[in-house]
Amino acid sequence: KRIHTKNNKLLKVSFVTKKKIGNAVKRNKIKRRLRSIVNDAVKIISINFDFSILVLAKESMLNNEYKNIKETLFQDLEKIK
């Protein structure tokens, strides 16, 4: 996924889910959630656009609520900004 900014900078974000997590439906659900969260994070957090970001999904994301995943990912993005 590529995200453009106003200054025509480009942020590359990749989402990876292993087959251990479950079938394609479950893996795609996690990736959709992560894409949504990253899109929100780019609007709120000033992320450095000079890097590529790789987001690895965990099995626990299937059982956690969207709100919990969002808080955790926002905290991690704050650390690396």
PDB file of N, CA and C in Angstrom:
ATOM      1  N   LYS A   1       0.858  -1.178   0.000  1.00  0.00           N
ATOM      2  CA  LYS A   1       0.000   0.000   0.000  1.00  0.00           C
ATOM      3  C   LYS A   1       0.891   1.222   0.000  1.00  0.00           C
ATOM      4  N   ARG A   2       0.576   2.178  -0.810  1.00  0.00           N
ATOM      5  CA  ARG A   2       1.345   3.409  -0.884  1.00  0.00           C
ATOM      6  C   ARG A   2       0.462   4.571  -0.473  1.00  0.00           C
ATOM      7  N   ILE A   3       0.996   5.414   0.389  1.00  0.00           N
ATOM      8  CA  ILE A   3       0.256   6.563   0.887  1.00  0.00           C
ATOM      9  C   ILE A   3       1.014   7.816   0.495  1.00  0.00           C
ATOM     10  N   HIS A   4       0.333   8.734  -0.191  1.00  0.00           N
ATOM     11  CA  HIS A   4       0.947   9.980  -0.610  1.00  0.00           C
ATOM     12  C   HIS A   4       0.598  11.090   0.371  1.00  0.00           C
ATOM     13  N   THR A   5       1.513  12.046   0.521  1.00  0.00           N
ATOM     14  CA  THR A   5       1.259  13.209   1.352  1.00  0.00           C
ATOM     15  C   THR A   5       1.083  14.427   0.472  1.00  0.00           C
ATOM     16  N   LYS A   6       0.859  15.560   1.109  1.00  0.00           N
ATOM     17  CA  LYS A   6       0.690  16.804   0.369  1.00  0.00           C
ATOM     18  C   LYS A   6       1.962  17.204  -0.365  1.00  0.00           C
ATOM     19  N   ASN A   7       3.107  16.830   0.191  1.00  0.00           N
ATOM     20  CA  ASN A   7       4.396  17.195  -0.402  1.00  0.00           C
ATOM     21  C   ASN A   7       4.871  16.160  -1.415  1.00  0.00           C
ATOM     22  N   ASN A   8       3.981  15.288  -1.858  1.00  0.00           N
ATOM     23  CA  ASN A   8       4.290  14.215  -2.804  1.00  0.00           C
ATOM     24  C   ASN A   8       5.325  13.232  -2.272  1.00  0.00           C
ATOM     25  N   LYS A   9       5.441  13.137  -0.958  1.00  0.00           N
ATOM     26  CA  LYS A   9       6.273  12.100  -0.380  1.00  0.00           C
ATOM     27  C   LYS A   9       5.465  10.812  -0.358  1.00  0.00           C
ATOM     28  N   LEU A  10       6.161   9.702  -0.342  1.00  0.00           N
ATOM     29  CA  LEU A  10       5.504   8.412  -0.447  1.00  0.00           C
ATOM     30  C   LEU A  10       5.875   7.540   0.748  1.00  0.00           C
ATOM     31  N   LEU A  11       4.877   6.974   1.393  1.00  0.00           N
ATOM     32  CA  LEU A  11       5.095   6.039   2.493  1.00  0.00           C
ATOM     33  C   LEU A  11       4.684   4.654   2.015  1.00  0.00           C
ATOM     34  N   LYS A  12       5.595   3.712   2.125  1.00  0.00           N
ATOM     35  CA  LYS A  12       5.296   2.346   1.729  1.00  0.00           C
ATOM     36  C   LYS A  12       5.037   1.523   2.980  1.00  0.00           C
ATOM     37  N   VAL A  13       3.869   0.903   3.023  1.00  0.00           N
ATOM     38  CA  VAL A  13       3.488   0.076   4.159  1.00  0.00           C
ATOM     39  C   VAL A  13       3.095  -1.296   3.629  1.00  0.00           C
ATOM     40  N   SER A  14       3.686  -2.340   4.200  1.00  0.00           N
ATOM     41  CA  SER A  14       3.368  -3.709   3.807  1.00  0.00           C
ATOM     42  C   SER A  14       2.760  -4.438   4.996  1.00  0.00           C
ATOM     43  N   PHE A  15       1.774  -5.270   4.722  1.00  0.00           N
ATOM     44  CA  PHE A  15       1.105  -6.042   5.764  1.00  0.00           C
ATOM     45  C   PHE A  15       1.334  -7.525   5.482  1.00  0.00           C
ATOM     46  N   VAL A  16       1.800  -8.252   6.498  1.00  0.00           N
ATOM     47  CA  VAL A  16       2.116  -9.663   6.332  1.00  0.00           C
ATOM     48  C   VAL A  16       1.326 -10.474   7.347  1.00  0.00           C
ATOM     49  N   THR A  17       0.667 -11.510   6.849  1.00  0.00           N
ATOM     50  CA  THR A  17      -0.008 -12.461   7.737  1.00  0.00           C
ATOM     51  C   THR A  17       0.439 -13.861   7.340  1.00  0.00           C
ATOM     52  N   LYS A  18       0.762 -14.669   8.320  1.00  0.00           N
ATOM     53  CA  LYS A  18       1.208 -16.030   8.051  1.00  0.00           C
ATOM     54  C   LYS A  18       0.017 -16.947   7.879  1.00  0.00           C
ATOM     55  N   LYS A  19       0.226 -18.046   7.184  1.00  0.00           N
ATOM     56  CA  LYS A  19      -0.849 -19.013   6.978  1.00  0.00           C
ATOM     57  C   LYS A  19      -1.258 -19.703   8.276  1.00  0.00           C
ATOM     58  N   LYS A  20      -0.400 -19.666   9.281  1.00  0.00           N
ATOM     59  CA  LYS A  20      -0.724 -20.260  10.585  1.00  0.00           C
ATOM     60  C   LYS A  20      -1.930 -19.580  11.224  1.00  0.00           C
ATOM     61  N   ILE A  21      -2.152 -18.316  10.887  1.00  0.00           N
ATOM     62  CA  ILE A  21      -3.218 -17.537  11.525  1.00  0.00           C
ATOM     63  C   ILE A  21      -4.587 -18.108  11.197  1.00  0.00           C
ATOM     64  N   GLY A  22      -4.762 -18.595   9.989  1.00  0.00           N
ATOM     65  CA  GLY A  22      -6.058 -19.153   9.625  1.00  0.00           C
ATOM     66  C   GLY A  22      -6.242 -19.140   8.121  1.00  0.00           C
ATOM     67  N   ASN A  23      -7.490 -19.299   7.721  1.00  0.00           N
ATOM     68  CA  ASN A  23      -7.767 -19.329   6.289  1.00  0.00           C
ATOM     69  C   ASN A  23      -7.699 -17.910   5.699  1.00  0.00           C
ATOM     70  N   ALA A  24      -7.897 -17.808   4.404  1.00  0.00           N
ATOM     71  CA  ALA A  24      -7.743 -16.538   3.695  1.00  0.00           C
ATOM     72  C   ALA A  24      -8.706 -15.474   4.218  1.00  0.00           C
ATOM     73  N   VAL A  25      -9.893 -15.870   4.607  1.00  0.00           N
ATOM     74  CA  VAL A  25     -10.881 -14.916   5.114  1.00  0.00           C
ATOM     75  C   VAL A  25     -10.371 -14.241   6.392  1.00  0.00           C
ATOM     76  N   LYS A  26      -9.814 -15.026   7.292  1.00  0.00           N
ATOM     77  CA  LYS A  26      -9.299 -14.479   8.551  1.00  0.00           C
ATOM     78  C   LYS A  26      -8.079 -13.594   8.307  1.00  0.00           C
ATOM     79  N   ARG A  27      -7.188 -14.043   7.428  1.00  0.00           N
ATOM     80  CA  ARG A  27      -5.991 -13.252   7.131  1.00  0.00           C
ATOM     81  C   ARG A  27      -6.363 -11.927   6.482  1.00  0.00           C
ATOM     82  N   ASN A  28      -7.307 -11.945   5.571  1.00  0.00           N
ATOM     83  CA  ASN A  28      -7.730 -10.706   4.906  1.00  0.00           C
ATOM     84  C   ASN A  28      -8.444  -9.764   5.866  1.00  0.00           C
ATOM     85  N   LYS A  29      -9.184 -10.321   6.817  1.00  0.00           N
ATOM     86  CA  LYS A  29      -9.854  -9.492   7.817  1.00  0.00           C
ATOM     87  C   LYS A  29      -8.824  -8.718   8.635  1.00  0.00           C
ATOM     88  N   ILE A  30      -7.760  -9.401   9.035  1.00  0.00           N
ATOM     89  CA  ILE A  30      -6.703  -8.740   9.801  1.00  0.00           C
ATOM     90  C   ILE A  30      -6.048  -7.650   8.961  1.00  0.00           C
ATOM     91  N   LYS A  31      -5.750  -7.956   7.698  1.00  0.00           N
ATOM     92  CA  LYS A  31      -5.104  -6.964   6.835  1.00  0.00           C
ATOM     93  C   LYS A  31      -5.998  -5.749   6.611  1.00  0.00           C
ATOM     94  N   ARG A  32      -7.301  -5.957   6.457  1.00  0.00           N
ATOM     95  CA  ARG A  32      -8.229  -4.823   6.306  1.00  0.00           C
ATOM     96  C   ARG A  32      -8.218  -3.944   7.544  1.00  0.00           C
ATOM     97  N   ARG A  33      -8.226  -4.562   8.707  1.00  0.00           N
ATOM     98  CA  ARG A  33      -8.172  -3.808   9.962  1.00  0.00           C
ATOM     99  C   ARG A  33      -6.883  -2.992  10.046  1.00  0.00           C
ATOM    100  N   LEU A  34      -5.771  -3.624   9.733  1.00  0.00           N
ATOM    101  CA  LEU A  34      -4.485  -2.943   9.817  1.00  0.00           C
ATOM    102  C   LEU A  34      -4.391  -1.779   8.827  1.00  0.00           C
ATOM    103  N   ARG A  35      -4.898  -1.970   7.612  1.00  0.00           N
ATOM    104  CA  ARG A  35      -4.898  -0.884   6.625  1.00  0.00           C
ATOM    105  C   ARG A  35      -5.694   0.312   7.123  1.00  0.00           C
ATOM    106  N   SER A  36      -6.840   0.038   7.688  1.00  0.00           N
ATOM    107  CA  SER A  36      -7.686   1.105   8.212  1.00  0.00           C
ATOM    108  C   SER A  36      -6.979   1.865   9.331  1.00  0.00           C
ATOM    109  N   ILE A  37      -6.342   1.137  10.223  1.00  0.00           N
ATOM    110  CA  ILE A  37      -5.649   1.765  11.343  1.00  0.00           C
ATOM    111  C   ILE A  37      -4.486   2.612  10.854  1.00  0.00           C
ATOM    112  N   VAL A  38      -3.714   2.111   9.903  1.00  0.00           N
ATOM    113  CA  VAL A  38      -2.570   2.867   9.384  1.00  0.00           C
ATOM    114  C   VAL A  38      -3.042   4.122   8.661  1.00  0.00           C
ATOM    115  N   ASN A  39      -4.135   4.032   7.923  1.00  0.00           N
ATOM    116  CA  ASN A  39      -4.672   5.229   7.264  1.00  0.00           C
ATOM    117  C   ASN A  39      -5.061   6.292   8.286  1.00  0.00           C
ATOM    118  N   ASP A  40      -5.660   5.887   9.395  1.00  0.00           N
ATOM    119  CA  ASP A  40      -6.002   6.825  10.463  1.00  0.00           C
ATOM    120  C   ASP A  40      -4.744   7.384  11.119  1.00  0.00           C
ATOM    121  N   ALA A  41      -3.754   6.540  11.313  1.00  0.00           N
ATOM    122  CA  ALA A  41      -2.521   6.956  11.986  1.00  0.00           C
ATOM    123  C   ALA A  41      -1.762   7.997  11.167  1.00  0.00           C
ATOM    124  N   VAL A  42      -1.752   7.840   9.864  1.00  0.00           N
ATOM    125  CA  VAL A  42      -1.037   8.793   9.007  1.00  0.00           C
ATOM    126  C   VAL A  42      -1.651  10.180   9.121  1.00  0.00           C
ATOM    127  N   LYS A  43      -2.956  10.238   9.312  1.00  0.00           N
ATOM    128  CA  LYS A  43      -3.641  11.527   9.438  1.00  0.00           C
ATOM    129  C   LYS A  43      -3.344  12.197  10.777  1.00  0.00           C
ATOM    130  N   ILE A  44      -3.133  11.403  11.821  1.00  0.00           N
ATOM    131  CA  ILE A  44      -2.972  11.936  13.175  1.00  0.00           C
ATOM    132  C   ILE A  44      -1.508  12.082  13.580  1.00  0.00           C
ATOM    133  N   ILE A  45      -0.714  11.042  13.320  1.00  0.00           N
ATOM    134  CA  ILE A  45       0.683  11.018  13.752  1.00  0.00           C
ATOM    135  C   ILE A  45       1.566  11.511  12.609  1.00  0.00           C
ATOM    136  N   SER A  46       2.575  12.300  12.948  1.00  0.00           N
ATOM    137  CA  SER A  46       3.510  12.756  11.915  1.00  0.00           C
ATOM    138  C   SER A  46       4.584  11.684  11.725  1.00  0.00           C
ATOM    139  N   ILE A  47       4.307  10.773  10.804  1.00  0.00           N
ATOM    140  CA  ILE A  47       5.193   9.641  10.535  1.00  0.00           C
ATOM    141  C   ILE A  47       6.260  10.080   9.534  1.00  0.00           C
ATOM    142  N   ASN A  48       7.490   9.614   9.733  1.00  0.00           N
ATOM    143  CA  ASN A  48       8.579   9.905   8.812  1.00  0.00           C
ATOM    144  C   ASN A  48       8.349   9.122   7.517  1.00  0.00           C
ATOM    145  N   PHE A  49       8.260   9.826   6.397  1.00  0.00           N
ATOM    146  CA  PHE A  49       7.933   9.191   5.127  1.00  0.00           C
ATOM    147  C   PHE A  49       9.167   8.730   4.364  1.00  0.00           C
ATOM    148  N   ASP A  50      10.322   8.737   4.998  1.00  0.00           N
ATOM    149  CA  ASP A  50      11.545   8.318   4.316  1.00  0.00           C
ATOM    150  C   ASP A  50      11.796   6.817   4.430  1.00  0.00           C
ATOM    151  N   PHE A  51      10.939   6.108   5.121  1.00  0.00           N
ATOM    152  CA  PHE A  51      11.150   4.690   5.363  1.00  0.00           C
ATOM    153  C   PHE A  51       9.990   3.865   4.828  1.00  0.00           C
ATOM    154  N   SER A  52      10.222   2.565   4.712  1.00  0.00           N
ATOM    155  CA  SER A  52       9.159   1.606   4.426  1.00  0.00           C
ATOM    156  C   SER A  52       8.810   0.916   5.735  1.00  0.00           C
ATOM    157  N   ILE A  53       7.553   0.616   5.927  1.00  0.00           N
ATOM    158  CA  ILE A  53       7.103   0.001   7.174  1.00  0.00           C
ATOM    159  C   ILE A  53       6.519  -1.370   6.860  1.00  0.00           C
ATOM    160  N   LEU A  54       6.917  -2.362   7.629  1.00  0.00           N
ATOM    161  CA  LEU A  54       6.401  -3.714   7.505  1.00  0.00           C
ATOM    162  C   LEU A  54       5.614  -4.034   8.767  1.00  0.00           C
ATOM    163  N   VAL A  55       4.334  -4.356   8.622  1.00  0.00           N
ATOM    164  CA  VAL A  55       3.472  -4.664   9.762  1.00  0.00           C
ATOM    165  C   VAL A  55       3.179  -6.158   9.731  1.00  0.00           C
ATOM    166  N   LEU A  56       3.608  -6.852  10.789  1.00  0.00           N
ATOM    167  CA  LEU A  56       3.380  -8.286  10.900  1.00  0.00           C
ATOM    168  C   LEU A  56       2.166  -8.538  11.788  1.00  0.00           C
ATOM    169  N   ALA A  57       1.266  -9.357  11.302  1.00  0.00           N
ATOM    170  CA  ALA A  57       0.052  -9.670  12.053  1.00  0.00           C
ATOM    171  C   ALA A  57       0.297 -10.851  12.987  1.00  0.00           C
ATOM    172  N   LYS A  58      -0.393 -10.835  14.115  1.00  0.00           N
ATOM    173  CA  LYS A  58      -0.311 -11.933  15.073  1.00  0.00           C
ATOM    174  C   LYS A  58      -1.679 -12.593  15.189  1.00  0.00           C
ATOM    175  N   GLU A  59      -1.668 -13.821  15.688  1.00  0.00           N
ATOM    176  CA  GLU A  59      -2.924 -14.556  15.864  1.00  0.00           C
ATOM    177  C   GLU A  59      -3.856 -13.868  16.845  1.00  0.00           C
ATOM    178  N   SER A  60      -3.300 -13.179  17.817  1.00  0.00           N
ATOM    179  CA  SER A  60      -4.121 -12.540  18.842  1.00  0.00           C
ATOM    180  C   SER A  60      -4.982 -11.415  18.269  1.00  0.00           C
ATOM    181  N   MET A  61      -4.659 -10.943  17.092  1.00  0.00           N
ATOM    182  CA  MET A  61      -5.445  -9.867  16.471  1.00  0.00           C
ATOM    183  C   MET A  61      -6.845 -10.324  16.088  1.00  0.00           C
ATOM    184  N   LEU A  62      -7.024 -11.603  15.868  1.00  0.00           N
ATOM    185  CA  LEU A  62      -8.353 -12.107  15.532  1.00  0.00           C
ATOM    186  C   LEU A  62      -9.309 -12.011  16.709  1.00  0.00           C
ATOM    187  N   ASN A  63      -8.784 -12.220  17.916  1.00  0.00           N
ATOM    188  CA  ASN A  63      -9.633 -12.253  19.106  1.00  0.00           C
ATOM    189  C   ASN A  63      -9.768 -10.898  19.780  1.00  0.00           C
ATOM    190  N   ASN A  64      -8.819  -9.988  19.528  1.00  0.00           N
ATOM    191  CA  ASN A  64      -8.866  -8.671  20.155  1.00  0.00           C
ATOM    192  C   ASN A  64      -9.870  -7.760  19.458  1.00  0.00           C
ATOM    193  N   GLU A  65     -10.340  -6.779  20.197  1.00  0.00           N
ATOM    194  CA  GLU A  65     -11.233  -5.790  19.619  1.00  0.00           C
ATOM    195  C   GLU A  65     -10.435  -4.813  18.771  1.00  0.00           C
ATOM    196  N   TYR A  66     -11.120  -4.194  17.832  1.00  0.00           N
ATOM    197  CA  TYR A  66     -10.503  -3.226  16.928  1.00  0.00           C
ATOM    198  C   TYR A  66      -9.839  -2.099  17.714  1.00  0.00           C
ATOM    199  N   LYS A  67     -10.504  -1.652  18.757  1.00  0.00           N
ATOM    200  CA  LYS A  67     -10.001  -0.545  19.579  1.00  0.00           C
ATOM    201  C   LYS A  67      -8.656  -0.880  20.218  1.00  0.00           C
ATOM    202  N   ASN A  68      -8.518  -2.106  20.728  1.00  0.00           N
ATOM    203  CA  ASN A  68      -7.266  -2.530  21.356  1.00  0.00           C
ATOM    204  C   ASN A  68      -6.124  -2.615  20.344  1.00  0.00           C
ATOM    205  N   ILE A  69      -6.417  -3.140  19.178  1.00  0.00           N
ATOM    206  CA  ILE A  69      -5.397  -3.240  18.132  1.00  0.00           C
ATOM    207  C   ILE A  69      -4.960  -1.850  17.705  1.00  0.00           C
ATOM    208  N   LYS A  70      -5.920  -0.953  17.584  1.00  0.00           N
ATOM    209  CA  LYS A  70      -5.610   0.412  17.162  1.00  0.00           C
ATOM    210  C   LYS A  70      -4.710   1.115  18.180  1.00  0.00           C
ATOM    211  N   GLU A  71      -5.021   0.991  19.450  1.00  0.00           N
ATOM    212  CA  GLU A  71      -4.208   1.614  20.495  1.00  0.00           C
ATOM    213  C   GLU A  71      -2.777   1.079  20.471  1.00  0.00           C
ATOM    214  N   THR A  72      -2.638  -0.223  20.324  1.00  0.00           N
ATOM    215  CA  THR A  72      -1.314  -0.839  20.309  1.00  0.00           C
ATOM    216  C   THR A  72      -0.506  -0.380  19.100  1.00  0.00           C
ATOM    217  N   LEU A  73      -1.133  -0.370  17.944  1.00  0.00           N
ATOM    218  CA  LEU A  73      -0.426   0.032  16.726  1.00  0.00           C
ATOM    219  C   LEU A  73      -0.067   1.518  16.766  1.00  0.00           C
ATOM    220  N   PHE A  74      -0.942   2.345  17.304  1.00  0.00           N
ATOM    221  CA  PHE A  74      -0.646   3.773  17.443  1.00  0.00           C
ATOM    222  C   PHE A  74       0.562   3.974  18.358  1.00  0.00           C
ATOM    223  N   GLN A  75       0.629   3.223  19.456  1.00  0.00           N
ATOM    224  CA  GLN A  75       1.770   3.331  20.366  1.00  0.00           C
ATOM    225  C   GLN A  75       3.063   2.945  19.663  1.00  0.00           C
ATOM    226  N   ASP A  76       3.012   1.881  18.875  1.00  0.00           N
ATOM    227  CA  ASP A  76       4.205   1.433  18.156  1.00  0.00           C
ATOM    228  C   ASP A  76       4.624   2.450  17.101  1.00  0.00           C
ATOM    229  N   LEU A  77       3.669   3.018  16.408  1.00  0.00           N
ATOM    230  CA  LEU A  77       3.998   4.028  15.385  1.00  0.00           C
ATOM    231  C   LEU A  77       4.552   5.305  16.016  1.00  0.00           C
ATOM    232  N   GLU A  78       4.075   5.633  17.204  1.00  0.00           N
ATOM    233  CA  GLU A  78       4.609   6.791  17.933  1.00  0.00           C
ATOM    234  C   GLU A  78       6.091   6.574  18.258  1.00  0.00           C
ATOM    235  N   LYS A  79       6.446   5.338  18.612  1.00  0.00           N
ATOM    236  CA  LYS A  79       7.828   5.031  18.969  1.00  0.00           C
ATOM    237  C   LYS A  79       8.775   5.187  17.780  1.00  0.00           C
ATOM    238  N   ILE A  80       8.306   4.817  16.587  1.00  0.00           N
ATOM    239  CA  ILE A  80       9.203   4.835  15.437  1.00  0.00           C
ATOM    240  C   ILE A  80       9.135   6.099  14.615  1.00  0.00           C
ATOM    241  N   LYS A  81       8.256   7.015  14.963  1.00  0.00           N
ATOM    242  CA  LYS A  81       8.134   8.224  14.149  1.00  0.00           C
ATOM    243  C   LYS A  81       9.335   9.052  14.301  1.00  0.00           C
TER     244      LYS A  81
END
